[in-house]
């Protein structure tokens, strides 16, 4: 018996926040201002998220996260 469902990746609270703001169309610079962190740190989180979700773009990462129930659709 095989399970086709992939294990849900463990996203940190901050990674989920970055994904949620990305979903709302915010740039790395805008997210950095909202979360009071550097733009470099935002991009670090985005790269980690993309790797964990096996996504090739920020947009795909958001879509995968919504599909898997990792972030809400509002």
N, C-alpha and C. Protein backbone atom coordinates (compact mmCIF):
# COMPACT_ATOMS: atom_id res chain seq x y z
N UNK A 1 0.85 -1.18 0.00
CA UNK A 1 0.00 0.00 0.00
C UNK A 1 0.89 1.24 0.00
N UNK A 2 0.78 2.07 -1.04
CA UNK A 2 1.62 3.26 -1.12
C UNK A 2 0.79 4.50 -0.86
N UNK A 3 1.45 5.51 -0.32
CA UNK A 3 0.79 6.76 -0.02
C UNK A 3 1.31 7.82 -0.98
N UNK A 4 0.44 8.34 -1.84
CA UNK A 4 0.86 9.33 -2.82
C UNK A 4 0.94 10.73 -2.26
N UNK A 5 0.43 10.93 -1.05
CA UNK A 5 0.48 12.25 -0.45
C UNK A 5 1.89 12.52 0.07
N UNK A 6 2.41 13.69 -0.32
CA UNK A 6 3.72 14.07 0.17
C UNK A 6 3.57 14.59 1.59
N UNK A 7 4.58 14.36 2.40
CA UNK A 7 4.56 14.91 3.76
C UNK A 7 4.57 16.43 3.67
N UNK A 8 3.79 17.07 4.53
CA UNK A 8 3.75 18.52 4.54
C UNK A 8 5.07 19.06 5.08
N UNK A 9 5.66 20.01 4.36
CA UNK A 9 6.91 20.58 4.86
C UNK A 9 6.66 21.40 6.12
N UNK A 10 7.67 21.49 6.95
CA UNK A 10 7.56 22.25 8.18
C UNK A 10 8.00 23.68 7.91
N UNK A 11 7.03 24.58 7.72
CA UNK A 11 7.35 25.98 7.49
C UNK A 11 7.32 26.71 8.83
N UNK A 12 8.29 27.59 9.02
CA UNK A 12 8.33 28.38 10.26
C UNK A 12 7.22 29.43 10.23
N UNK A 13 6.96 29.99 11.40
CA UNK A 13 5.95 31.05 11.50
C UNK A 13 6.32 32.21 10.57
N UNK A 14 7.60 32.58 10.54
CA UNK A 14 8.04 33.70 9.70
C UNK A 14 7.89 33.36 8.23
N UNK A 15 8.21 32.12 7.85
CA UNK A 15 8.04 31.71 6.45
C UNK A 15 6.58 31.80 6.03
N UNK A 16 5.68 31.41 6.93
CA UNK A 16 4.24 31.52 6.63
C UNK A 16 3.83 32.98 6.49
N UNK A 17 4.39 33.86 7.32
CA UNK A 17 4.08 35.29 7.21
C UNK A 17 4.55 35.83 5.87
N UNK A 18 5.76 35.47 5.47
CA UNK A 18 6.31 35.92 4.18
C UNK A 18 5.44 35.40 3.04
N UNK A 19 5.04 34.15 3.11
CA UNK A 19 4.17 33.57 2.07
C UNK A 19 2.83 34.29 2.00
N UNK A 20 2.26 34.58 3.15
CA UNK A 20 0.96 35.26 3.20
C UNK A 20 1.05 36.64 2.55
N UNK A 21 2.10 37.39 2.85
CA UNK A 21 2.26 38.72 2.23
C UNK A 21 2.57 38.57 0.74
N UNK A 22 3.32 37.54 0.36
CA UNK A 22 3.58 37.30 -1.07
C UNK A 22 2.28 37.01 -1.80
N UNK A 23 1.41 36.24 -1.15
CA UNK A 23 0.11 35.91 -1.73
C UNK A 23 -0.68 37.19 -2.00
N UNK A 24 -0.49 38.18 -1.17
CA UNK A 24 -1.21 39.46 -1.34
C UNK A 24 -0.52 40.39 -2.32
N UNK A 25 0.53 39.89 -2.99
CA UNK A 25 1.18 40.65 -4.04
C UNK A 25 2.27 41.59 -3.59
N UNK A 26 2.71 41.46 -2.35
CA UNK A 26 3.75 42.35 -1.84
C UNK A 26 5.13 41.92 -2.32
N UNK A 27 5.97 42.91 -2.60
CA UNK A 27 7.36 42.65 -3.02
C UNK A 27 8.20 42.34 -1.78
N UNK A 28 9.42 41.87 -2.03
CA UNK A 28 10.33 41.61 -0.91
C UNK A 28 10.56 42.88 -0.10
N UNK A 29 10.72 44.01 -0.78
CA UNK A 29 10.94 45.28 -0.09
C UNK A 29 9.74 45.63 0.78
N UNK A 30 8.53 45.49 0.24
CA UNK A 30 7.32 45.79 1.01
C UNK A 30 7.18 44.87 2.21
N UNK A 31 7.45 43.58 2.01
CA UNK A 31 7.37 42.61 3.11
C UNK A 31 8.40 42.95 4.19
N UNK A 32 9.58 43.37 3.77
CA UNK A 32 10.61 43.72 4.75
C UNK A 32 10.16 44.90 5.61
N UNK A 33 9.48 45.87 5.01
CA UNK A 33 8.99 47.01 5.77
C UNK A 33 7.85 46.60 6.72
N UNK A 34 6.95 45.74 6.23
CA UNK A 34 5.82 45.29 7.04
C UNK A 34 6.29 44.48 8.24
N UNK A 35 7.25 43.57 8.02
CA UNK A 35 7.70 42.67 9.09
C UNK A 35 8.90 43.22 9.86
N UNK A 36 9.38 44.40 9.44
CA UNK A 36 10.51 45.05 10.11
C UNK A 36 11.76 44.16 10.12
N UNK A 37 12.04 43.58 8.94
CA UNK A 37 13.26 42.78 8.74
C UNK A 37 13.89 43.26 7.43
N UNK A 38 15.11 42.86 7.17
CA UNK A 38 15.78 43.31 5.95
C UNK A 38 15.20 42.60 4.72
N UNK A 39 15.35 43.26 3.58
CA UNK A 39 14.92 42.66 2.32
C UNK A 39 15.70 41.37 2.05
N UNK A 40 16.97 41.37 2.44
CA UNK A 40 17.80 40.17 2.28
C UNK A 40 17.22 39.00 3.08
N UNK A 41 16.74 39.28 4.29
CA UNK A 41 16.15 38.23 5.12
C UNK A 41 14.86 37.72 4.48
N UNK A 42 14.06 38.61 3.92
CA UNK A 42 12.84 38.18 3.22
C UNK A 42 13.21 37.24 2.09
N UNK A 43 14.21 37.61 1.29
CA UNK A 43 14.62 36.76 0.16
C UNK A 43 15.18 35.43 0.65
N UNK A 44 15.86 35.44 1.79
CA UNK A 44 16.36 34.20 2.39
C UNK A 44 15.18 33.28 2.70
N UNK A 45 14.13 33.85 3.33
CA UNK A 45 12.94 33.05 3.65
C UNK A 45 12.26 32.54 2.39
N UNK A 46 12.14 33.40 1.38
CA UNK A 46 11.51 33.00 0.11
C UNK A 46 12.26 31.82 -0.51
N UNK A 47 13.58 31.90 -0.51
CA UNK A 47 14.37 30.80 -1.08
C UNK A 47 14.18 29.51 -0.29
N UNK A 48 14.14 29.61 1.04
CA UNK A 48 13.89 28.42 1.86
C UNK A 48 12.51 27.83 1.58
N UNK A 49 11.52 28.70 1.47
CA UNK A 49 10.15 28.27 1.18
C UNK A 49 10.10 27.54 -0.16
N UNK A 50 10.70 28.14 -1.18
CA UNK A 50 10.69 27.53 -2.51
C UNK A 50 11.35 26.16 -2.49
N UNK A 51 12.45 26.04 -1.74
CA UNK A 51 13.13 24.75 -1.65
C UNK A 51 12.25 23.73 -0.93
N UNK A 52 11.65 24.13 0.19
CA UNK A 52 10.81 23.21 0.96
C UNK A 52 9.58 22.74 0.17
N UNK A 53 9.03 23.64 -0.66
CA UNK A 53 7.82 23.32 -1.42
C UNK A 53 8.14 22.81 -2.82
N UNK A 54 9.42 22.73 -3.14
CA UNK A 54 9.84 22.26 -4.46
C UNK A 54 9.23 23.13 -5.56
N UNK A 55 9.28 24.44 -5.34
CA UNK A 55 8.70 25.40 -6.28
C UNK A 55 9.81 26.13 -7.02
N UNK A 56 9.52 26.54 -8.25
CA UNK A 56 10.52 27.24 -9.06
C UNK A 56 10.33 28.75 -9.04
N UNK A 57 9.23 29.21 -8.45
CA UNK A 57 8.99 30.65 -8.36
C UNK A 57 8.21 30.95 -7.08
N UNK A 58 8.21 32.21 -6.72
CA UNK A 58 7.44 32.67 -5.55
C UNK A 58 5.95 32.39 -5.77
N UNK A 59 5.48 32.64 -6.98
CA UNK A 59 4.07 32.43 -7.29
C UNK A 59 3.69 30.95 -7.15
N UNK A 60 4.54 30.07 -7.65
CA UNK A 60 4.26 28.64 -7.51
C UNK A 60 4.30 28.23 -6.04
N UNK A 61 5.21 28.80 -5.27
CA UNK A 61 5.29 28.49 -3.84
C UNK A 61 3.99 28.87 -3.13
N UNK A 62 3.44 30.03 -3.47
CA UNK A 62 2.17 30.46 -2.88
C UNK A 62 1.06 29.49 -3.28
N UNK A 63 1.01 29.12 -4.56
CA UNK A 63 -0.03 28.20 -5.03
C UNK A 63 0.06 26.85 -4.34
N UNK A 64 1.27 26.32 -4.21
CA UNK A 64 1.47 25.02 -3.55
C UNK A 64 1.07 25.12 -2.07
N UNK A 65 1.45 26.21 -1.42
CA UNK A 65 1.13 26.39 0.00
C UNK A 65 -0.38 26.45 0.22
N UNK A 66 -1.09 27.13 -0.67
CA UNK A 66 -2.55 27.19 -0.56
C UNK A 66 -3.15 25.81 -0.81
N UNK A 67 -2.68 25.14 -1.85
CA UNK A 67 -3.18 23.80 -2.20
C UNK A 67 -3.01 22.82 -1.06
N UNK A 68 -1.90 22.91 -0.35
CA UNK A 68 -1.61 21.99 0.75
C UNK A 68 -2.16 22.46 2.09
N UNK A 69 -2.82 23.63 2.09
CA UNK A 69 -3.41 24.12 3.33
C UNK A 69 -2.41 24.70 4.32
N UNK A 70 -1.25 25.13 3.81
CA UNK A 70 -0.22 25.69 4.67
C UNK A 70 -0.48 27.15 5.00
N UNK A 71 -1.17 27.84 4.09
CA UNK A 71 -1.62 29.22 4.35
C UNK A 71 -3.07 29.32 3.93
N UNK A 72 -3.77 30.29 4.50
CA UNK A 72 -5.20 30.47 4.21
C UNK A 72 -5.40 31.29 2.95
N UNK A 73 -6.57 31.12 2.35
CA UNK A 73 -6.89 31.84 1.12
C UNK A 73 -7.61 33.16 1.38
N UNK A 74 -7.90 33.48 2.61
CA UNK A 74 -8.61 34.69 3.06
C UNK A 74 -10.06 34.57 2.79
